[in-house]
Amino acid sequence: MKRRDFAELISVGTLGMLMVPSIGCSMMSKSRSNGPKQIYLKSEKNSKMDLPHGKRVPFGWSAMGISPEESFLLKPEETVPKGNLLLRVSVAQEIWDKKLLHINIPEADIYLGAIDIRFSSVLVPYELKIESKYIPLINKYGLQLKLESSSSLWIFDNPDGNTNNLAFLPHLLVSKEESGKTSDFLDCFMSVNSIQAFGWREGTVLDGLWQIYDRKGEEKALKAIQQHLNLFFDVNKNLVYETSQSVPRDNRVDGIESTIPFATLTRLYPNHPIIGTVLDGWGSLTKENGMVTDGMQLSAEGCYTVAYPMAVIGKSRHSKDLMNKALEQLKHRFVLIHEGDFYLRATGSERTYKNWARGAAWFLLGFSRTIYELKDEIIDEEIVAKFREGVDMALSMQRQDGLWSCFMHKDVSPDTSGSAGISAAILTGIEQGILPESYRKQVDKCWVALQNYLTPDGFLKGVAQDNRGGISLQEGEYRVIAQMGMGMMAQLYAFLGQDES
């Protein structure tokens, strides 16, 4: 089936609602009263690089390229006060290798450490903790950065005229506290700071924002959804985004993982003509047996990125056919539970990524959200039973600290994103009455544990890196900040009782 371009489907009136200008960045530093302060670091790098042919930076934001072995200077725009100190930079081009950004204080000949960046998506912050005793020297000399890598690194560098993107620019975060609280998490999440690459990452964030708005009545979450949507539509009313290779993919569906954002879009604009492109895209990916997938590989992501938005769109259009098709997508993925274990992917009889926590989260979130969406329309006991089976499997592998290991059956570091997603799915099931109330105790334990992974300004740490780095990267100690993990934590928060949140 031929896919229609977004540009052919979007109406001027509808997109007008999405094109409200964002608030500009009027200051080079930002702080809340008595809270953490972001101090912008201006680059004194003289040489400039052109982007590789065919690549693009998200939202047209300013970015600079750093060549291997190249050094350059960053200087604070104002005096850095005393406090706990973090240096932050954010990735502006998709990364498929390993990079070290070494940090020195020039003139003083002091090496502070390295920011370790591996296999990263764009719009993800990376940080280095710096001892406060070095603040006077940083104020005097600035910071020197040098790249160790076989390829260039691109980071955001200058403020945007329409959006306050300071959290993504080189900056120093100064704080009295070493970690954040729930209020810091919410302030960070319900803003442009939680923006992610379009597709499953941004879809998870948008879903988290929607759940907070829908369950808690938080208008700030709704405003954040609008702000995020604004960034993905240009003045000519096209959807503008890039693939996992930083290649423009404007006005097109990019496989099954790209369609989760349209669940939230449909809730706000149920008659938006852009949804036709999504339906056409699913049609082109439908196999003879009705399964919607890329190639012949089944993935747990499809429970959340296909079945769930398909249910939302089907319900909004009163389409029994589409709602039933959403449930079929879940049934096709029953094979991802096999002999008491979860699997992320299945091709024929081959299954991979055994008990990967985030894969379990995609599976359980997809089931719980789809069941919840269609609870007043269709109840499929077979799907409910499979969801219960998956939940019991996950709970049997929960750690003593309340989280789940990245590979749940192994003694490896936890993954906060998978843990939050699993818990959010369980709490959704409890809310519907299809899971025992007694399971809430395990969910509460996870929520408490997640608080230990919040940065002073509210980002979520402890997230297993994208699986583009392979199983060995997941099994190791390497963990990152990731807003998509915040999206799952937000979904958990949305279903917590008022006294727990």
Protein backbone atom coordinates (compact mmCIF):
# COMPACT_ATOMS: atom_id res chain seq x y z
CA MET A 1 0.00 0.00 0.00
CA LYS A 2 1.34 3.41 -0.94
CA ARG A 3 1.95 5.68 2.03
CA ARG A 4 0.67 9.22 1.83
CA ASP A 5 3.04 12.00 2.76
CA PHE A 6 2.34 13.95 5.92
CA ALA A 7 2.55 17.14 3.87
CA GLU A 8 -0.38 15.97 1.74
CA LEU A 9 -2.54 15.33 4.77
CA ILE A 10 -2.00 18.15 7.25
CA SER A 11 -4.54 20.94 7.23
CA VAL A 12 -3.61 24.54 7.96
CA GLY A 13 -6.25 24.90 10.67
CA THR A 14 -5.24 21.79 12.55
CA LEU A 15 -1.53 22.49 12.45
CA GLY A 16 -2.15 26.01 13.60
CA MET A 17 -2.91 24.53 16.99
CA LEU A 18 0.51 22.87 16.96
CA MET A 19 2.55 25.85 15.85
CA VAL A 20 2.36 28.09 18.92
CA PRO A 21 5.83 29.62 19.33
CA SER A 22 7.90 28.34 22.24
CA ILE A 23 9.22 30.63 24.92
CA GLY A 24 12.62 31.98 23.97
CA CYS A 25 15.79 31.58 25.97
CA SER A 26 16.22 35.00 27.52
CA MET A 27 19.04 34.14 29.93
CA MET A 28 22.34 32.33 29.62
CA SER A 29 21.86 30.76 33.04
CA LYS A 30 18.79 29.28 34.62
CA SER A 31 17.87 28.35 38.15
CA ARG A 32 14.91 27.94 40.46
CA SER A 33 14.90 29.75 43.77
CA ASN A 34 17.35 27.90 46.03
CA GLY A 35 17.50 25.13 43.43
CA PRO A 36 20.17 23.93 40.99
CA LYS A 37 21.63 26.48 38.62
CA GLN A 38 22.67 25.92 35.01
CA ILE A 39 25.59 28.10 33.89
CA TYR A 40 26.10 28.24 30.14
CA LEU A 41 29.59 27.48 28.82
CA LYS A 42 30.50 29.37 25.69
CA SER A 43 32.82 27.66 23.22
CA GLU A 44 36.03 29.35 22.13
CA LYS A 45 36.55 26.82 19.35
CA ASN A 46 37.77 28.55 16.20
CA SER A 47 37.54 25.83 13.56
CA LYS A 48 34.16 24.84 12.20
CA MET A 49 33.01 21.58 10.61
CA ASP A 50 30.28 20.89 8.12
CA LEU A 51 27.77 18.18 8.88
CA PRO A 52 28.33 14.93 6.97
CA HIS A 53 26.39 14.83 3.71
CA GLY A 54 22.77 13.84 4.18
CA LYS A 55 22.73 14.37 7.95
CA ARG A 56 20.75 16.91 9.97
CA VAL A 57 20.64 18.33 13.52
CA PRO A 58 17.27 18.12 15.32
CA PHE A 59 15.05 21.21 15.20
CA GLY A 60 17.70 23.23 13.39
CA TRP A 61 19.45 23.89 16.70
CA SER A 62 23.05 25.05 16.58
CA ALA A 63 25.65 22.31 16.96
CA MET A 64 29.40 22.02 16.64
CA GLY A 65 31.51 19.15 15.39
CA ILE A 66 34.62 18.00 17.22
CA SER A 67 37.28 16.10 15.31
CA PRO A 68 39.28 13.22 16.83
CA GLU A 69 42.15 14.55 18.97
CA GLU A 70 40.84 18.12 18.62
CA SER A 71 40.94 20.36 21.72
CA PHE A 72 38.87 23.45 22.46
CA LEU A 73 37.96 25.70 25.36
CA LEU A 74 34.67 26.28 27.18
CA LYS A 75 34.32 29.30 29.46
CA PRO A 76 31.47 30.07 31.90
CA GLU A 77 29.36 33.09 30.99
CA GLU A 78 29.22 34.08 34.66
CA THR A 79 31.06 33.32 37.88
CA VAL A 80 30.47 29.77 39.05
CA PRO A 81 29.35 29.72 42.69
CA LYS A 82 30.35 27.11 45.25
CA GLY A 83 28.40 23.85 45.28
CA ASN A 84 28.19 20.37 43.86
CA LEU A 85 29.32 20.60 40.25
CA LEU A 86 28.45 18.68 37.08
CA LEU A 87 29.67 19.39 33.55
CA ARG A 88 27.07 18.57 30.90
CA VAL A 89 27.06 18.23 27.11
CA SER A 90 24.35 16.73 24.88
CA VAL A 91 24.61 14.72 21.68
CA ALA A 92 23.46 16.36 18.43
CA GLN A 93 24.13 13.47 16.01
CA GLU A 94 23.36 9.77 16.42
CA ILE A 95 26.36 7.78 17.67
CA TRP A 96 27.18 4.16 16.81
CA ASP A 97 30.59 3.88 18.45
CA LYS A 98 32.48 4.88 21.61
CA LYS A 99 33.82 8.33 22.41
CA LEU A 100 35.70 9.85 25.33
CA LEU A 101 35.64 13.60 25.90
CA HIS A 102 38.63 14.36 28.13
CA ILE A 103 38.31 17.38 30.44
CA ASN A 104 41.23 19.48 31.68
CA ILE A 105 41.74 22.84 33.32
CA PRO A 106 44.14 24.64 30.95
CA GLU A 107 47.14 26.48 32.33
CA ALA A 108 46.70 24.65 35.67
CA ASP A 109 47.59 21.27 34.09
CA ILE A 110 44.80 19.47 35.95
CA TYR A 111 43.01 16.49 34.45
CA LEU A 112 39.42 16.18 35.71
CA GLY A 113 38.29 13.03 33.94
CA ALA A 114 36.38 12.03 30.82
CA ILE A 115 32.77 12.04 29.68
CA ASP A 116 32.11 8.54 28.36
CA ILE A 117 29.67 8.54 25.42
CA ARG A 118 28.73 5.26 23.75
CA PHE A 119 26.12 4.33 21.14
CA SER A 120 23.95 7.32 21.91
CA SER A 121 20.79 8.76 20.48
CA VAL A 122 20.52 12.52 20.04
CA LEU A 123 19.14 14.84 22.73
CA VAL A 124 20.71 12.85 25.56
CA PRO A 125 22.79 14.69 28.20
CA TYR A 126 26.11 13.27 29.43
CA GLU A 127 27.89 14.53 32.51
CA LEU A 128 31.07 14.54 34.53
CA LYS A 129 31.14 15.21 38.25
CA ILE A 130 33.81 17.77 39.20
CA GLU A 131 35.07 18.43 42.72
CA SER A 132 34.03 21.84 44.03
CA LYS A 133 37.63 22.68 44.98
CA TYR A 134 38.32 23.29 41.28
CA ILE A 135 35.67 25.99 40.89
CA PRO A 136 38.07 28.97 41.36
CA LEU A 137 40.36 27.57 38.65
CA ILE A 138 37.43 26.95 36.31
CA ASN A 139 36.31 30.53 36.80
CA LYS A 140 39.81 31.71 35.93
CA TYR A 141 40.78 29.41 33.06
CA GLY A 142 37.65 27.63 31.87
CA LEU A 143 37.62 24.00 30.77
CA GLN A 144 39.52 22.35 27.94
CA LEU A 145 37.86 19.45 26.10
CA LYS A 146 39.65 16.94 23.89
CA LEU A 147 38.01 14.15 21.92
CA GLU A 148 39.35 10.61 21.89
CA SER A 149 37.54 8.70 19.16
CA SER A 150 37.89 7.29 15.67
CA SER A 151 35.14 9.62 14.44
CA SER A 152 33.78 13.10 15.10
CA LEU A 153 31.41 14.07 17.89
CA TRP A 154 28.62 16.60 17.49
CA ILE A 155 27.16 18.46 20.47
CA PHE A 156 24.64 21.30 20.77
CA ASP A 157 26.45 24.58 21.42
CA ASN A 158 24.41 27.80 21.16
CA PRO A 159 21.01 28.95 22.48
CA ASP A 160 18.01 28.66 20.18
CA GLY A 161 15.97 31.76 19.44
CA ASN A 162 12.59 30.12 19.96
CA THR A 163 13.11 27.43 22.58
CA ASN A 164 14.90 27.43 25.92
CA ASN A 165 17.33 24.61 25.13
CA LEU A 166 19.91 25.48 27.80
CA ALA A 167 19.67 22.00 29.34
CA PHE A 168 21.13 20.60 26.09
CA LEU A 169 23.97 23.12 25.74
CA PRO A 170 27.41 22.84 27.37
CA HIS A 171 26.83 24.00 30.91
CA LEU A 172 27.80 23.57 34.52
CA LEU A 173 25.09 22.46 36.91
CA VAL A 174 25.67 23.84 40.38
CA SER A 175 23.56 22.52 43.25
CA LYS A 176 23.44 22.30 47.02
CA GLU A 177 22.12 18.74 46.85
CA GLU A 178 23.73 15.77 45.12
CA SER A 179 20.41 14.26 44.05
CA GLY A 180 16.92 15.41 43.17
CA LYS A 181 13.39 14.91 44.44
CA THR A 182 10.08 14.07 42.79
CA SER A 183 9.35 17.78 42.38
CA ASP A 184 12.63 18.22 40.49
CA PHE A 185 11.76 15.26 38.27
CA LEU A 186 8.35 16.72 37.43
CA ASP A 187 9.73 20.20 36.71
CA CYS A 188 12.32 18.69 34.37
CA PHE A 189 9.98 16.22 32.70
CA MET A 190 7.10 18.63 32.09
CA SER A 191 9.24 20.87 29.90
CA VAL A 192 11.28 20.83 26.71
CA ASN A 193 14.08 19.16 28.70
CA SER A 194 12.41 15.77 28.20
CA ILE A 195 12.34 15.97 24.39
CA GLN A 196 13.70 12.89 22.60
CA ALA A 197 14.31 11.67 19.07
CA PHE A 198 11.01 11.10 17.29
CA GLY A 199 9.79 7.51 17.48
CA TRP A 200 9.73 5.14 20.45
CA ARG A 201 11.83 7.47 22.59
CA GLU A 202 9.64 10.55 22.16
CA GLY A 203 6.50 8.41 22.13
CA THR A 204 7.34 7.12 25.61
CA VAL A 205 7.81 10.70 26.83
CA LEU A 206 4.56 11.92 25.26
CA ASP A 207 2.70 9.01 26.80
CA GLY A 208 4.13 9.86 30.20
CA LEU A 209 3.08 13.48 29.82
CA TRP A 210 -0.41 12.43 28.75
CA GLN A 211 -0.84 10.05 31.68
CA ILE A 212 0.14 12.79 34.14
CA TYR A 213 -2.33 15.17 32.53
CA ASP A 214 -5.11 12.60 32.31
CA ARG A 215 -4.64 11.07 35.76
CA LYS A 216 -3.43 14.04 37.80
CA GLY A 217 -5.07 16.91 35.90
CA GLU A 218 -1.69 18.64 35.56
CA GLU A 219 -2.06 21.40 32.95
CA LYS A 220 1.71 21.85 32.80
CA ALA A 221 1.97 18.36 31.29
CA LEU A 222 -0.50 19.27 28.55
CA LYS A 223 1.48 22.43 27.76
CA ALA A 224 4.65 20.35 27.56
CA ILE A 225 2.99 18.01 25.03
CA GLN A 226 2.16 21.02 22.85
CA GLN A 227 5.70 22.34 23.18
CA HIS A 228 7.14 18.99 22.13
CA LEU A 229 4.80 18.71 19.16
CA ASN A 230 5.76 22.23 18.09
CA LEU A 231 9.37 21.15 17.75
CA PHE A 232 8.50 18.41 15.26
CA PHE A 233 6.50 20.63 12.87
CA ASP A 234 8.12 23.33 10.73
CA VAL A 235 6.57 26.58 9.51
CA ASN A 236 5.44 24.84 6.32
CA LYS A 237 3.47 22.39 8.44
CA ASN A 238 5.61 19.35 7.69
CA LEU A 239 6.62 16.74 10.23
CA VAL A 240 10.40 17.15 10.47
CA TYR A 241 12.51 14.49 12.14
CA GLU A 242 15.55 12.27 11.64
CA THR A 243 16.20 8.53 11.77
CA SER A 244 18.57 6.69 14.11
CA GLN A 245 21.28 7.57 11.56
CA SER A 246 20.50 11.34 11.73
CA VAL A 247 19.09 11.14 8.20
CA PRO A 248 15.97 13.27 7.47
CA ARG A 249 12.77 11.23 7.36
CA ASP A 250 10.27 14.06 6.89
CA ASN A 251 6.60 13.28 6.31
CA ARG A 252 7.03 9.49 6.45
CA VAL A 253 6.52 6.58 8.82
CA ASP A 254 9.85 4.99 9.73
CA GLY A 255 8.87 1.44 10.70
CA ILE A 256 6.79 0.17 13.58
CA GLU A 257 8.85 1.88 16.28
CA SER A 258 8.05 5.33 14.90
CA THR A 259 4.27 5.19 15.43
CA ILE A 260 3.90 5.35 19.22
CA PRO A 261 3.85 9.21 19.31
CA PHE A 262 0.56 9.17 17.41
CA ALA A 263 -1.28 7.67 20.38
CA THR A 264 -0.88 11.00 22.19
CA LEU A 265 -1.48 13.05 19.04
CA THR A 266 -4.76 11.20 18.47
CA ARG A 267 -5.95 12.01 21.98
CA LEU A 268 -5.55 15.73 21.31
CA TYR A 269 -6.52 15.76 17.62
CA PRO A 270 -8.62 12.64 16.92
CA ASN A 271 -9.60 13.83 13.45
CA HIS A 272 -6.13 14.97 12.44
CA PRO A 273 -5.52 13.92 8.82
CA ILE A 274 -1.95 12.93 9.67
CA ILE A 275 -3.31 9.74 11.23
CA GLY A 276 -4.10 8.50 7.72
CA THR A 277 -0.37 8.24 7.06
CA VAL A 278 0.05 6.05 10.12
CA LEU A 279 -2.78 3.76 9.04
CA ASP A 280 -1.29 3.51 5.56
CA GLY A 281 2.11 2.80 7.05
CA TRP A 282 0.74 -0.04 9.17
CA GLY A 283 -1.05 -1.35 6.11
CA SER A 284 2.20 -1.52 4.16
CA LEU A 285 3.82 -3.44 7.04
CA THR A 286 0.99 -5.96 7.50
CA LYS A 287 1.82 -9.59 6.72
CA GLU A 288 -0.62 -12.16 5.36
CA ASN A 289 -1.48 -13.35 8.86
CA GLY A 290 -2.34 -9.79 9.97
CA MET A 291 0.86 -9.21 11.92
CA VAL A 292 2.28 -5.69 11.65
CA THR A 293 6.06 -5.82 11.81
CA ASP A 294 9.26 -4.79 10.06
CA GLY A 295 10.44 -7.78 8.02
CA MET A 296 9.52 -11.08 9.66
CA GLN A 297 10.97 -10.30 13.09
CA LEU A 298 8.59 -10.01 16.03
CA SER A 299 9.61 -7.53 18.72
CA ALA A 300 8.31 -6.67 22.17
CA GLU A 301 8.35 -3.01 21.17
CA GLY A 302 5.43 -3.72 18.82
CA CYS A 303 3.17 -4.37 21.82
CA TYR A 304 3.66 -0.74 22.83
CA THR A 305 4.49 0.99 19.54
CA VAL A 306 1.83 -0.69 17.37
CA ALA A 307 -0.92 -2.41 19.39
CA TYR A 308 -1.38 0.45 21.84
CA PRO A 309 -1.58 3.40 19.38
CA MET A 310 -3.72 1.21 17.10
CA ALA A 311 -6.15 0.74 20.00
CA VAL A 312 -6.20 4.48 20.71
CA ILE A 313 -6.89 5.34 17.07
CA GLY A 314 -9.44 2.54 16.73
CA LYS A 315 -11.33 3.70 19.79
CA SER A 316 -11.30 7.33 18.67
CA ARG A 317 -12.76 6.30 15.31
CA HIS A 318 -15.21 3.76 16.77
CA SER A 319 -13.58 1.16 14.54
CA LYS A 320 -14.14 -2.37 15.88
CA ASP A 321 -11.95 -3.67 13.08
CA LEU A 322 -8.98 -1.55 14.16
CA MET A 323 -9.51 -2.32 17.85
CA ASN A 324 -9.59 -6.06 17.11
CA LYS A 325 -6.50 -5.70 14.97
CA ALA A 326 -4.74 -4.05 17.93
CA LEU A 327 -5.55 -7.06 20.09
CA GLU A 328 -4.30 -9.37 17.34
CA GLN A 329 -0.92 -7.65 17.48
CA LEU A 330 -0.62 -8.66 21.12
CA LYS A 331 -1.61 -12.26 20.39
CA HIS A 332 1.02 -12.50 17.68
CA ARG A 333 3.56 -11.57 20.34
CA PHE A 334 2.54 -14.25 22.85
CA VAL A 335 5.58 -16.19 21.55
CA LEU A 336 7.87 -13.65 23.23
CA ILE A 337 7.05 -15.38 26.52
CA HIS A 338 8.58 -18.86 26.38
CA GLU A 339 9.14 -21.37 29.17
CA GLY A 340 9.02 -18.74 31.91
CA ASP A 341 11.23 -16.14 30.23
CA PHE A 342 10.72 -12.91 28.29
CA TYR A 343 12.37 -12.31 24.93
CA LEU A 344 12.78 -9.03 23.11
CA ARG A 345 12.75 -10.51 19.61
CA ALA A 346 11.68 -13.67 17.85
CA THR A 347 12.34 -14.80 14.28
CA GLY A 348 10.86 -18.21 13.71
CA SER A 349 12.04 -20.39 16.60
CA GLU A 350 15.01 -18.15 17.40
CA ARG A 351 14.57 -15.82 20.37
CA THR A 352 17.04 -13.19 21.60
CA TYR A 353 17.60 -10.74 24.49
CA LYS A 354 16.35 -13.09 27.20
CA ASN A 355 14.74 -11.30 30.16
CA TRP A 356 15.95 -7.85 29.09
CA ALA A 357 14.15 -5.52 31.49
CA ARG A 358 13.23 -2.89 28.94
CA GLY A 359 11.91 -5.57 26.59
CA ALA A 360 9.70 -6.82 29.42
CA ALA A 361 8.57 -3.23 29.97
CA TRP A 362 7.59 -2.84 26.29
CA PHE A 363 5.67 -6.12 26.44
CA LEU A 364 3.83 -5.36 29.69
CA LEU A 365 3.19 -1.68 28.93
CA GLY A 366 1.80 -2.58 25.53
CA PHE A 367 -0.55 -5.14 27.06
CA SER A 368 -1.64 -3.00 30.02
CA ARG A 369 -2.17 0.16 27.97
CA THR A 370 -4.09 -1.65 25.20
CA ILE A 371 -6.29 -3.51 27.71
CA TYR A 372 -6.90 -0.26 29.60
CA GLU A 373 -7.74 1.65 26.42
CA LEU A 374 -10.28 -0.94 25.27
CA LYS A 375 -11.72 -1.94 28.65
CA ASP A 376 -15.12 -0.45 27.82
CA GLU A 377 -15.10 -1.81 24.28
CA ILE A 378 -13.57 -5.30 24.16
CA ILE A 379 -12.31 -7.59 26.91
CA ASP A 380 -10.18 -10.48 25.69
CA GLU A 381 -9.59 -12.90 28.55
CA GLU A 382 -6.77 -14.67 26.72
CA ILE A 383 -4.82 -11.41 26.50
CA VAL A 384 -5.57 -10.55 30.14
CA ALA A 385 -4.32 -13.99 31.19
CA LYS A 386 -1.08 -13.57 29.21
CA PHE A 387 -0.55 -10.16 30.82
CA ARG A 388 -0.98 -11.67 34.28
CA GLU A 389 1.48 -14.42 33.38
CA GLY A 390 4.04 -11.84 32.28
CA VAL A 391 3.60 -9.78 35.43
CA ASP A 392 4.10 -12.79 37.68
CA MET A 393 7.24 -13.70 35.74
CA ALA A 394 8.63 -10.19 36.14
CA LEU A 395 7.83 -10.02 39.87
CA SER A 396 9.61 -13.32 40.41
CA MET A 397 12.80 -11.65 39.17
CA GLN A 398 12.52 -8.33 41.05
CA ARG A 399 15.61 -7.40 43.03
CA GLN A 400 15.68 -6.83 46.78
CA ASP A 401 16.20 -3.10 46.21
CA GLY A 402 12.91 -2.89 44.27
CA LEU A 403 14.44 -2.51 40.81
CA TRP A 404 15.08 -5.05 38.06
CA SER A 405 18.50 -5.99 36.74
CA CYS A 406 19.07 -5.09 33.11
CA PHE A 407 18.85 -8.82 32.37
CA MET A 408 16.35 -9.71 35.03
CA HIS A 409 17.58 -13.24 35.76
CA LYS A 410 21.24 -12.17 36.10
CA ASP A 411 23.25 -10.47 38.82
CA VAL A 412 24.04 -7.35 36.78
CA SER A 413 23.38 -3.64 37.31
CA PRO A 414 19.76 -2.50 37.33
CA ASP A 415 18.04 -0.59 34.55
CA THR A 416 15.87 2.23 35.89
CA SER A 417 13.94 2.62 32.63
CA GLY A 418 12.90 -1.03 32.44
CA SER A 419 12.12 -1.03 36.17
CA ALA A 420 9.88 2.03 35.86
CA GLY A 421 8.11 0.61 32.80
CA ILE A 422 7.41 -2.76 34.41
CA SER A 423 6.09 -1.07 37.55
CA ALA A 424 3.92 1.33 35.55
CA ALA A 425 2.37 -1.60 33.70
CA ILE A 426 1.69 -3.45 36.97
CA LEU A 427 0.09 -0.40 38.58
CA THR A 428 -2.12 0.05 35.51
CA GLY A 429 -3.25 -3.56 35.88
CA ILE A 430 -4.01 -3.05 39.58
CA GLU A 431 -6.04 0.05 38.70
CA GLN A 432 -8.17 -2.03 36.31
CA GLY A 433 -8.74 -4.76 38.86
CA ILE A 434 -7.02 -7.44 36.77
CA LEU A 435 -4.06 -7.73 39.14
CA PRO A 436 -4.11 -8.24 42.92
CA GLU A 437 -3.93 -5.15 45.12
CA SER A 438 -1.12 -6.89 47.02
CA TYR A 439 1.22 -6.28 44.05
CA ARG A 440 1.22 -2.58 44.91
CA LYS A 441 3.83 -3.24 47.58
CA GLN A 442 6.40 -4.29 44.98
CA VAL A 443 5.57 -1.27 42.82
CA ASP A 444 5.95 1.11 45.75
CA LYS A 445 9.35 -0.43 46.47
CA CYS A 446 10.45 0.35 42.92
CA TRP A 447 9.20 3.94 43.14
CA VAL A 448 11.22 4.54 46.30
CA ALA A 449 14.34 3.05 44.71
CA LEU A 450 14.02 5.25 41.61
CA GLN A 451 14.37 8.40 43.76
CA ASN A 452 18.02 7.49 44.29
CA TYR A 453 18.68 7.91 40.56
CA LEU A 454 17.45 11.49 40.09
CA THR A 455 19.96 14.23 39.28
CA PRO A 456 19.72 17.51 41.21
CA ASP A 457 17.74 19.03 38.31
CA GLY A 458 15.45 16.02 37.91
CA PHE A 459 16.84 13.85 35.10
CA LEU A 460 16.73 10.07 35.54
CA LYS A 461 20.07 8.23 35.66
CA GLY A 462 20.80 4.52 35.73
CA VAL A 463 19.24 3.79 32.33
CA ALA A 464 20.68 0.97 30.23
CA GLN A 465 22.01 2.41 26.98
CA ASP A 466 20.24 1.77 23.67
CA ASN A 467 20.70 -1.82 22.60
CA ARG A 468 22.59 -0.75 19.47
CA GLY A 469 25.70 -1.41 21.57
CA GLY A 470 24.84 -5.10 22.02
CA ILE A 471 24.35 -7.35 25.03
CA SER A 472 27.86 -6.83 26.44
CA LEU A 473 27.21 -3.10 26.89
CA GLN A 474 23.90 -3.87 28.63
CA GLU A 475 25.48 -6.38 31.01
CA GLY A 476 28.21 -4.00 32.11
CA GLU A 477 28.13 -1.09 34.55
CA TYR A 478 27.64 1.54 31.85
CA ARG A 479 24.43 3.52 32.48
CA VAL A 480 23.19 6.87 31.22
CA ILE A 481 20.63 9.63 31.61
CA ALA A 482 17.68 9.08 29.27
CA GLN A 483 14.45 11.03 29.04
CA MET A 484 12.63 8.04 27.54
CA GLY A 485 13.24 6.36 30.91
CA MET A 486 11.68 9.42 32.53
CA GLY A 487 8.64 8.81 30.33
CA MET A 488 8.14 5.40 31.93
CA MET A 489 8.79 6.79 35.40
CA ALA A 490 6.17 9.47 34.68
CA GLN A 491 3.64 6.79 33.77
CA LEU A 492 4.34 5.12 37.10
CA TYR A 493 3.94 8.45 38.91
CA ALA A 494 0.64 9.12 37.15
CA PHE A 495 -0.96 5.97 38.62
CA LEU A 496 0.42 6.41 42.15
CA GLY A 497 -2.01 7.48 44.88
CA GLN A 498 -1.93 11.11 45.95
CA ASP A 499 -0.22 10.25 49.23
CA GLU A 500 2.51 8.31 47.43
CA SER A 501 3.40 10.92 44.81
